[in-house]
């Protein structure tokens, strides 16, 4: 196991347990303290057998955000997952699901009958995404090599690349409206490594990250910033790469929502407010976004952009958690977590969230349209119908 700062600082206060969304809905889940720092201490003393249910951790990192002494609890659990005793079929499934860049290159594979995935342990209940109809636009834009003026790179995560080109096009239009030239990063199908790390494939996560890091470094020397569309990828590039893999980038990495807040002038928000919203706007910051930035950044953006004002969707983790909800053994926990969102909505409206997998999971379980804030803003500005 690799070493971490404050790895053995746990004071057994159990605050992490109260913050854990899985612990609230799964009576068999031991909780982050038992699976992280408690197991780590026993492992240091010679224990190598994994605890049962260690793979049920979503890697949301809310336990780390809550810890008063900065123990890297979720990362200790990820190390713990490496010792889990899985069958060959589940190992194969996890290997495939933790390389989303492969699925992004051939997104039509999700159209295969669910029966083909059931033997591998893929959930037959969870809603799968629909391949993007406008992927060719990404390929065209990503061929740019010469940057003029204020240019930012848009980090195109695996989900956006294969399944949500509409969000990419909307974010591009908004950034250009704010006076920036844009280029898509990286040009080839790469992954930040977040999915592999969450499943305990630490070595694979590091190898994947290093390949992507090299690709980004070749393209970023003339950029002002890298703007991310997915909260998980954002936290991975900004925090996990330098802290756990020693990988740094020469330009700042900034979430799309935060970048717009910092660079939009009052007239931009005034124009957004002048357009009527369709129902109540609920904001759901993803787990990784909450752990890194808190709930307020997305809420603040929508608050400035909407005359009616948003409401925070009062849940912690929605249950999507990257590939978590697509694994059969996690289906019921994922649906229990997401089901809390339906109970938290008391008026019809739309959910704005900074993750594609969270959006499709919330939309399935609540019945309300869920989109990236870039798509909602662009629909307001262009008077198009985003609820269709």
Protein backbone atom coordinates (compact mmCIF):
# COMPACT_ATOMS: atom_id res chain seq x y z
CA UNK A 1 0.00 0.00 0.00
CA UNK A 2 1.14 3.51 -0.74
CA UNK A 3 1.65 5.99 2.07
CA UNK A 4 -0.47 9.07 2.71
CA UNK A 5 -0.22 12.21 4.78
CA UNK A 6 -2.22 11.92 8.04
CA UNK A 7 -2.92 8.26 7.24
CA UNK A 8 -2.78 7.23 10.91
CA UNK A 9 -4.29 10.33 12.50
CA UNK A 10 -7.79 8.93 13.08
CA UNK A 11 -9.11 9.91 16.54
CA UNK A 12 -12.15 7.58 16.29
CA UNK A 13 -14.67 10.41 16.52
CA UNK A 14 -16.93 8.70 13.93
CA UNK A 15 -17.86 11.99 12.26
CA UNK A 16 -17.07 10.31 8.95
CA UNK A 17 -19.73 7.69 9.69
CA UNK A 18 -22.43 10.32 10.12
CA UNK A 19 -21.37 11.90 6.78
CA UNK A 20 -21.43 8.63 4.83
CA UNK A 21 -24.47 8.37 2.51
CA UNK A 22 -24.15 4.58 2.05
CA UNK A 23 -24.12 3.96 5.80
CA UNK A 24 -27.53 5.67 6.06
CA UNK A 25 -29.26 3.34 3.60
CA UNK A 26 -27.34 0.03 3.88
CA UNK A 27 -27.47 -1.69 7.26
CA UNK A 28 -24.72 -4.15 6.23
CA UNK A 29 -22.20 -1.46 5.32
CA UNK A 30 -19.55 -1.19 8.09
CA UNK A 31 -18.91 2.50 7.46
CA UNK A 32 -15.85 4.54 6.44
CA UNK A 33 -14.05 4.43 9.80
CA UNK A 34 -14.05 0.63 9.90
CA UNK A 35 -13.13 0.21 6.23
CA UNK A 36 -10.55 2.98 6.14
CA UNK A 37 -8.38 3.95 9.12
CA UNK A 38 -9.35 0.98 11.35
CA UNK A 39 -8.54 -1.57 8.64
CA UNK A 40 -5.41 0.34 7.64
CA UNK A 41 -3.98 0.04 11.14
CA UNK A 42 -4.64 -3.69 11.16
CA UNK A 43 -3.13 -3.98 7.69
CA UNK A 44 0.03 -2.24 8.90
CA UNK A 45 0.18 -4.86 11.64
CA UNK A 46 0.07 -7.67 9.09
CA UNK A 47 -3.59 -8.26 8.16
CA UNK A 48 -4.18 -8.69 4.43
CA UNK A 49 -7.73 -10.06 4.20
CA UNK A 50 -10.26 -7.52 3.01
CA UNK A 51 -13.41 -6.79 4.98
CA UNK A 52 -16.77 -7.73 3.55
CA UNK A 53 -18.63 -4.92 1.75
CA UNK A 54 -15.51 -2.79 1.19
CA UNK A 55 -16.46 -2.49 -2.48
CA UNK A 56 -19.80 -0.93 -1.49
CA UNK A 57 -18.02 2.39 -0.83
CA UNK A 58 -18.91 4.89 -3.57
CA UNK A 59 -15.64 6.86 -3.16
CA UNK A 60 -17.69 10.03 -2.77
CA UNK A 61 -15.04 11.45 -0.37
CA UNK A 62 -17.65 13.11 1.86
CA UNK A 63 -16.02 11.25 4.76
CA UNK A 64 -12.72 12.98 4.02
CA UNK A 65 -14.43 16.36 3.79
CA UNK A 66 -15.99 15.79 7.23
CA UNK A 67 -12.87 14.45 8.98
CA UNK A 68 -11.55 17.00 11.52
CA UNK A 69 -7.96 15.69 11.30
CA UNK A 70 -7.70 15.27 7.50
CA UNK A 71 -7.40 11.49 7.36
CA UNK A 72 -7.58 10.40 3.66
CA UNK A 73 -10.37 7.96 4.53
CA UNK A 74 -11.76 7.33 1.04
CA UNK A 75 -8.28 6.78 -0.36
CA UNK A 76 -7.48 4.29 2.40
CA UNK A 77 -10.69 2.46 1.46
CA UNK A 78 -9.63 2.51 -2.20
CA UNK A 79 -6.35 0.85 -1.19
CA UNK A 80 -8.38 -1.64 0.88
CA UNK A 81 -10.47 -2.53 -2.21
CA UNK A 82 -7.36 -3.98 -3.86
CA UNK A 83 -7.52 -6.92 -1.45
CA UNK A 84 -11.21 -7.72 -2.07
CA UNK A 85 -11.84 -11.29 -3.20
CA UNK A 86 -13.76 -10.94 -6.47
CA UNK A 87 -14.73 -13.56 -9.01
CA UNK A 88 -13.02 -13.43 -12.44
CA UNK A 89 -16.22 -12.17 -14.11
CA UNK A 90 -16.54 -9.22 -11.70
CA UNK A 91 -12.87 -8.40 -12.15
CA UNK A 92 -13.40 -8.32 -15.90
CA UNK A 93 -16.50 -6.15 -15.53
CA UNK A 94 -14.71 -3.70 -13.24
CA UNK A 95 -11.76 -3.51 -15.59
CA UNK A 96 -14.09 -2.60 -18.46
CA UNK A 97 -16.18 -0.10 -16.47
CA UNK A 98 -13.11 1.62 -15.06
CA UNK A 99 -11.87 2.44 -18.56
CA UNK A 100 -14.66 4.77 -19.68
CA UNK A 101 -12.44 6.14 -22.44
CA UNK A 102 -13.03 2.86 -24.30
CA UNK A 103 -16.80 3.24 -24.06
CA UNK A 104 -16.47 6.88 -25.15
CA UNK A 105 -14.82 5.68 -28.38
CA UNK A 106 -17.68 3.27 -29.09
CA UNK A 107 -20.72 4.63 -27.20
CA UNK A 108 -23.18 2.65 -29.31
CA UNK A 109 -22.16 -0.42 -27.29
CA UNK A 110 -24.67 0.68 -24.64
CA UNK A 111 -27.42 -0.21 -27.11
CA UNK A 112 -26.56 -3.90 -26.76
CA UNK A 113 -29.25 -5.90 -24.95
CA UNK A 114 -28.91 -5.73 -21.19
CA UNK A 115 -28.97 -9.53 -21.09
CA UNK A 116 -25.46 -9.51 -22.55
CA UNK A 117 -24.14 -7.62 -19.55
CA UNK A 118 -26.02 -9.44 -16.79
CA UNK A 119 -23.60 -12.44 -16.70
CA UNK A 120 -20.76 -9.96 -16.09
CA UNK A 121 -22.57 -8.36 -13.17
CA UNK A 122 -23.87 -5.27 -14.98
CA UNK A 123 -27.09 -3.88 -13.53
CA UNK A 124 -30.26 -4.65 -15.48
CA UNK A 125 -32.16 -1.82 -13.75
CA UNK A 126 -29.95 1.24 -13.99
CA UNK A 127 -30.66 3.61 -16.87
CA UNK A 128 -27.79 3.71 -19.38
CA UNK A 129 -26.93 6.90 -21.31
CA UNK A 130 -27.75 7.52 -24.96
CA UNK A 131 -24.87 8.02 -27.42
CA UNK A 132 -24.39 11.63 -28.53
CA UNK A 133 -25.87 12.38 -31.95
CA UNK A 134 -23.38 15.21 -32.58
CA UNK A 135 -20.03 13.61 -31.81
CA UNK A 136 -18.63 14.79 -35.14
CA UNK A 137 -18.67 18.36 -33.80
CA UNK A 138 -16.18 17.36 -31.14
CA UNK A 139 -13.80 15.87 -33.70
CA UNK A 140 -13.92 19.01 -35.83
CA UNK A 141 -13.26 21.38 -32.98
CA UNK A 142 -10.50 19.33 -31.39
CA UNK A 143 -8.23 19.65 -34.44
CA UNK A 144 -7.34 23.28 -33.67
CA UNK A 145 -3.63 23.83 -33.08
CA UNK A 146 -3.07 27.62 -33.24
CA UNK A 147 -4.54 29.69 -30.43
CA UNK A 148 -5.23 33.41 -30.72
CA UNK A 149 -5.99 35.82 -27.89
CA UNK A 150 -7.63 34.59 -24.71
CA UNK A 151 -7.84 30.83 -25.18
CA UNK A 152 -8.98 28.23 -22.70
CA UNK A 153 -9.04 24.47 -23.03
CA UNK A 154 -12.24 22.56 -22.30
CA UNK A 155 -11.41 19.22 -20.70
CA UNK A 156 -13.75 16.77 -22.42
CA UNK A 157 -14.38 13.95 -19.96
CA UNK A 158 -15.28 10.44 -21.10
CA UNK A 159 -19.02 10.83 -20.50
CA UNK A 160 -19.24 14.12 -22.39
CA UNK A 161 -17.17 12.74 -25.24
CA UNK A 162 -19.40 9.74 -25.84
CA UNK A 163 -22.81 10.71 -24.50
CA UNK A 164 -23.23 14.43 -23.93
CA UNK A 165 -21.84 16.50 -26.79
CA UNK A 166 -24.77 18.88 -26.22
CA UNK A 167 -23.15 20.02 -22.96
CA UNK A 168 -19.82 20.50 -24.72
CA UNK A 169 -21.42 22.60 -27.45
CA UNK A 170 -23.33 24.67 -24.88
CA UNK A 171 -20.24 25.28 -22.73
CA UNK A 172 -18.24 26.24 -25.82
CA UNK A 173 -20.89 28.76 -26.89
CA UNK A 174 -21.01 30.34 -23.43
CA UNK A 175 -17.23 30.60 -23.06
CA UNK A 176 -16.97 32.18 -26.50
CA UNK A 177 -19.76 34.59 -25.57
CA UNK A 178 -17.64 35.60 -22.57
CA UNK A 179 -14.79 36.50 -24.93
CA UNK A 180 -12.67 33.34 -24.89
CA UNK A 181 -11.43 31.17 -27.71
CA UNK A 182 -11.78 27.48 -26.89
CA UNK A 183 -10.03 24.25 -27.75
CA UNK A 184 -11.07 20.76 -26.69
CA UNK A 185 -8.67 18.70 -24.60
CA UNK A 186 -7.32 16.11 -25.08
CA UNK A 187 -7.60 15.41 -28.81
CA UNK A 188 -7.58 11.62 -28.37
CA UNK A 189 -9.82 9.58 -26.09
CA UNK A 190 -8.10 9.69 -22.70
CA UNK A 191 -9.30 9.34 -19.09
CA UNK A 192 -8.23 11.11 -15.91
CA UNK A 193 -8.16 7.80 -13.99
CA UNK A 194 -10.94 8.62 -11.54
CA UNK A 195 -13.04 5.55 -12.36
CA UNK A 196 -10.15 3.15 -11.85
CA UNK A 197 -9.13 4.76 -8.55
CA UNK A 198 -12.68 4.58 -7.19
CA UNK A 199 -12.75 0.82 -7.84
CA UNK A 200 -9.41 0.20 -6.15
CA UNK A 201 -7.40 -0.26 -9.36
CA UNK A 202 -4.76 2.17 -8.14
CA UNK A 203 -1.94 1.14 -10.46
CA UNK A 204 -4.22 1.31 -13.48
CA UNK A 205 -5.49 4.71 -12.36
CA UNK A 206 -1.94 6.05 -12.16
CA UNK A 207 -0.96 4.66 -15.56
CA UNK A 208 -4.10 6.13 -17.13
CA UNK A 209 -3.49 9.50 -15.47
CA UNK A 210 0.11 9.68 -16.69
CA UNK A 211 -0.92 9.06 -20.31
CA UNK A 212 -3.54 11.82 -20.12
CA UNK A 213 -1.17 14.13 -18.28
CA UNK A 214 1.40 13.85 -21.09
CA UNK A 215 -1.29 14.60 -23.67
CA UNK A 216 -2.47 17.69 -21.77
CA UNK A 217 1.00 19.08 -21.20
CA UNK A 218 1.67 19.05 -24.94
CA UNK A 219 -1.42 21.22 -25.55
CA UNK A 220 -1.64 23.64 -22.64
CA UNK A 221 1.42 25.90 -22.86
CA UNK A 222 -0.52 28.65 -24.68
CA UNK A 223 -3.74 28.38 -22.68
CA UNK A 224 -5.02 30.63 -19.89
CA UNK A 225 -6.80 27.79 -18.10
CA UNK A 226 -8.32 24.34 -18.40
CA UNK A 227 -12.08 24.42 -17.83
CA UNK A 228 -13.70 21.19 -16.66
CA UNK A 229 -17.32 20.13 -17.19
CA UNK A 230 -17.43 17.21 -14.74
CA UNK A 231 -16.86 17.67 -11.01
CA UNK A 232 -15.15 14.30 -10.56
CA UNK A 233 -12.64 14.92 -13.33
CA UNK A 234 -12.08 18.44 -12.02
CA UNK A 235 -11.17 17.23 -8.53
CA UNK A 236 -9.00 14.47 -10.01
CA UNK A 237 -6.96 16.87 -12.15
CA UNK A 238 -6.70 19.62 -9.53
CA UNK A 239 -6.25 17.60 -6.32
CA UNK A 240 -5.58 13.90 -6.85
CA UNK A 241 -3.07 14.17 -9.66
CA UNK A 242 -0.60 16.37 -7.71
CA UNK A 243 -1.32 14.87 -4.28
CA UNK A 244 -1.31 11.16 -5.08
CA UNK A 245 0.52 10.83 -8.41
CA UNK A 246 2.86 13.85 -8.40
CA UNK A 247 1.39 15.14 -11.68
CA UNK A 248 1.09 18.90 -12.16
CA UNK A 249 -0.14 21.10 -14.99
CA UNK A 250 1.29 24.46 -16.03
CA UNK A 251 -2.10 26.22 -16.18
CA UNK A 252 -4.92 26.41 -13.61
CA UNK A 253 -7.77 23.90 -13.72
CA UNK A 254 -11.17 25.48 -13.02
CA UNK A 255 -14.72 24.07 -12.95
CA UNK A 256 -16.98 25.53 -15.63
CA UNK A 257 -19.39 26.95 -13.05
CA UNK A 258 -16.61 28.70 -11.16
CA UNK A 259 -15.03 30.00 -14.37
CA UNK A 260 -18.31 31.57 -15.49
CA UNK A 261 -18.86 33.16 -12.09
CA UNK A 262 -15.40 34.71 -12.24
CA UNK A 263 -15.56 35.96 -15.84
CA UNK A 264 -19.17 36.84 -16.66
CA UNK A 265 -20.21 40.49 -16.38
CA UNK A 266 -23.50 41.66 -14.82
CA UNK A 267 -25.17 42.08 -18.22
CA UNK A 268 -24.66 38.37 -18.96
CA UNK A 269 -26.55 37.37 -15.84
CA UNK A 270 -29.15 40.10 -16.43
CA UNK A 271 -29.92 38.61 -19.83
CA UNK A 272 -30.31 35.16 -18.29
CA UNK A 273 -32.63 36.52 -15.61
CA UNK A 274 -34.79 38.18 -18.26
CA UNK A 275 -35.73 34.78 -19.70
CA UNK A 276 -38.45 32.86 -17.80
CA UNK A 277 -37.46 29.54 -16.24
CA UNK A 278 -39.65 26.49 -16.66
CA UNK A 279 -40.53 25.46 -13.13
CA UNK A 280 -38.35 25.36 -10.04
CA UNK A 281 -34.59 24.98 -10.56
CA UNK A 282 -33.01 22.48 -8.18
CA UNK A 283 -29.22 22.37 -7.89
CA UNK A 284 -27.33 19.17 -7.10
CA UNK A 285 -23.60 19.54 -6.59
CA UNK A 286 -22.00 16.11 -6.97
CA UNK A 287 -20.23 14.44 -4.06
CA UNK A 288 -16.77 15.29 -5.33
CA UNK A 289 -17.87 18.87 -5.93
CA UNK A 290 -19.25 19.08 -2.39
CA UNK A 291 -16.05 17.62 -0.94
CA UNK A 292 -13.84 20.02 -2.91
CA UNK A 293 -15.90 23.20 -3.22
CA UNK A 294 -19.00 22.82 -1.08
CA UNK A 295 -22.60 23.19 -2.18
CA UNK A 296 -22.60 26.91 -2.79
CA UNK A 297 -20.77 27.45 -6.10
CA UNK A 298 -23.43 25.92 -8.37
CA UNK A 299 -26.20 27.44 -6.28
CA UNK A 300 -24.57 30.87 -6.51
CA UNK A 301 -24.33 30.67 -10.29
CA UNK A 302 -27.99 29.72 -10.74
CA UNK A 303 -29.03 32.31 -8.16
CA UNK A 304 -27.44 35.05 -10.28
CA UNK A 305 -28.79 33.61 -13.52
CA UNK A 306 -32.41 32.99 -12.54
CA UNK A 307 -35.03 35.52 -11.55
CA UNK A 308 -36.98 32.93 -9.59
CA UNK A 309 -33.95 31.63 -7.71
CA UNK A 310 -32.87 28.00 -7.24
CA UNK A 311 -33.32 25.49 -4.47
CA UNK A 312 -30.64 23.10 -3.28
CA UNK A 313 -31.68 19.47 -3.74
CA UNK A 314 -31.35 18.31 -0.15
CA UNK A 315 -29.49 15.04 -0.63
CA UNK A 316 -25.84 14.06 -0.30
CA UNK A 317 -24.89 11.37 -2.84
CA UNK A 318 -27.44 10.59 -5.56
CA UNK A 319 -26.09 7.04 -5.96
CA UNK A 320 -24.69 7.32 -9.48
CA UNK A 321 -21.06 7.65 -8.35
CA UNK A 322 -19.48 7.11 -11.77
CA UNK A 323 -19.76 3.41 -12.60
CA UNK A 324 -21.13 2.46 -9.14
CA UNK A 325 -24.82 2.37 -10.11
CA UNK A 326 -24.08 0.22 -13.17
CA UNK A 327 -22.85 -2.69 -11.03
CA UNK A 328 -25.54 -5.22 -10.13
CA UNK A 329 -24.52 -5.62 -6.48
CA UNK A 330 -24.87 -1.86 -5.95
CA UNK A 331 -28.16 -1.34 -7.75
CA UNK A 332 -30.45 -1.25 -4.73
CA UNK A 333 -28.16 1.02 -2.70
CA UNK A 334 -27.78 3.36 -5.68
CA UNK A 335 -31.54 3.51 -6.15
CA UNK A 336 -32.11 4.06 -2.43
CA UNK A 337 -29.70 7.00 -2.48
CA UNK A 338 -31.24 8.47 -5.63
CA UNK A 339 -34.77 7.85 -4.36
CA UNK A 340 -34.16 10.41 -1.64
CA UNK A 341 -34.05 13.05 -4.39
CA UNK A 342 -37.61 12.30 -5.49
CA UNK A 343 -38.82 12.83 -1.93
CA UNK A 344 -36.88 16.10 -1.68
CA UNK A 345 -38.66 17.66 -4.69
CA UNK A 346 -41.92 19.30 -3.65
CA UNK A 347 -42.67 21.27 -6.85
CA UNK A 348 -42.19 20.41 -10.54
CA UNK A 349 -39.00 21.70 -12.09
CA UNK A 350 -35.56 20.85 -13.43
CA UNK A 351 -32.36 19.57 -11.78
CA UNK A 352 -29.03 21.18 -12.64
CA UNK A 353 -25.97 19.09 -11.82
CA UNK A 354 -22.28 19.04 -12.78
CA UNK A 355 -22.06 15.35 -13.74
CA UNK A 356 -23.52 13.41 -16.65
CA UNK A 357 -24.02 10.14 -14.79
CA UNK A 358 -25.68 11.97 -11.89
CA UNK A 359 -28.00 13.66 -14.39
CA UNK A 360 -29.28 10.44 -16.00
CA UNK A 361 -29.59 8.72 -12.61
CA UNK A 362 -31.56 11.59 -11.07
CA UNK A 363 -33.74 11.97 -14.14
CA UNK A 364 -34.66 8.28 -14.06
CA UNK A 365 -35.50 8.21 -10.36
CA UNK A 366 -37.26 11.58 -10.05
CA UNK A 367 -38.93 11.85 -13.46
CA UNK A 368 -37.64 15.42 -13.86
CA UNK A 369 -35.27 16.67 -16.54
CA UNK A 370 -31.68 16.81 -15.29
CA UNK A 371 -28.98 18.66 -17.24
CA UNK A 372 -25.61 20.34 -16.90
CA UNK A 373 -25.88 24.06 -16.00
CA UNK A 374 -24.16 24.93 -19.30
CA UNK A 375 -27.05 23.40 -21.24
CA UNK A 376 -29.63 25.24 -19.18
CA UNK A 377 -27.87 28.61 -19.58
CA UNK A 378 -27.42 28.18 -23.32
CA UNK A 379 -31.07 27.20 -23.73
CA UNK A 380 -32.06 30.37 -21.88
CA UNK A 381 -29.84 32.53 -24.06
CA UNK A 382 -30.92 30.95 -27.32
CA UNK A 383 -34.59 30.51 -26.36
CA UNK A 384 -34.48 26.80 -27.19
CA UNK A 385 -36.43 24.11 -25.40
CA UNK A 386 -34.18 22.06 -23.11
CA UNK A 387 -37.01 20.09 -21.54
CA UNK A 388 -37.85 18.13 -24.63
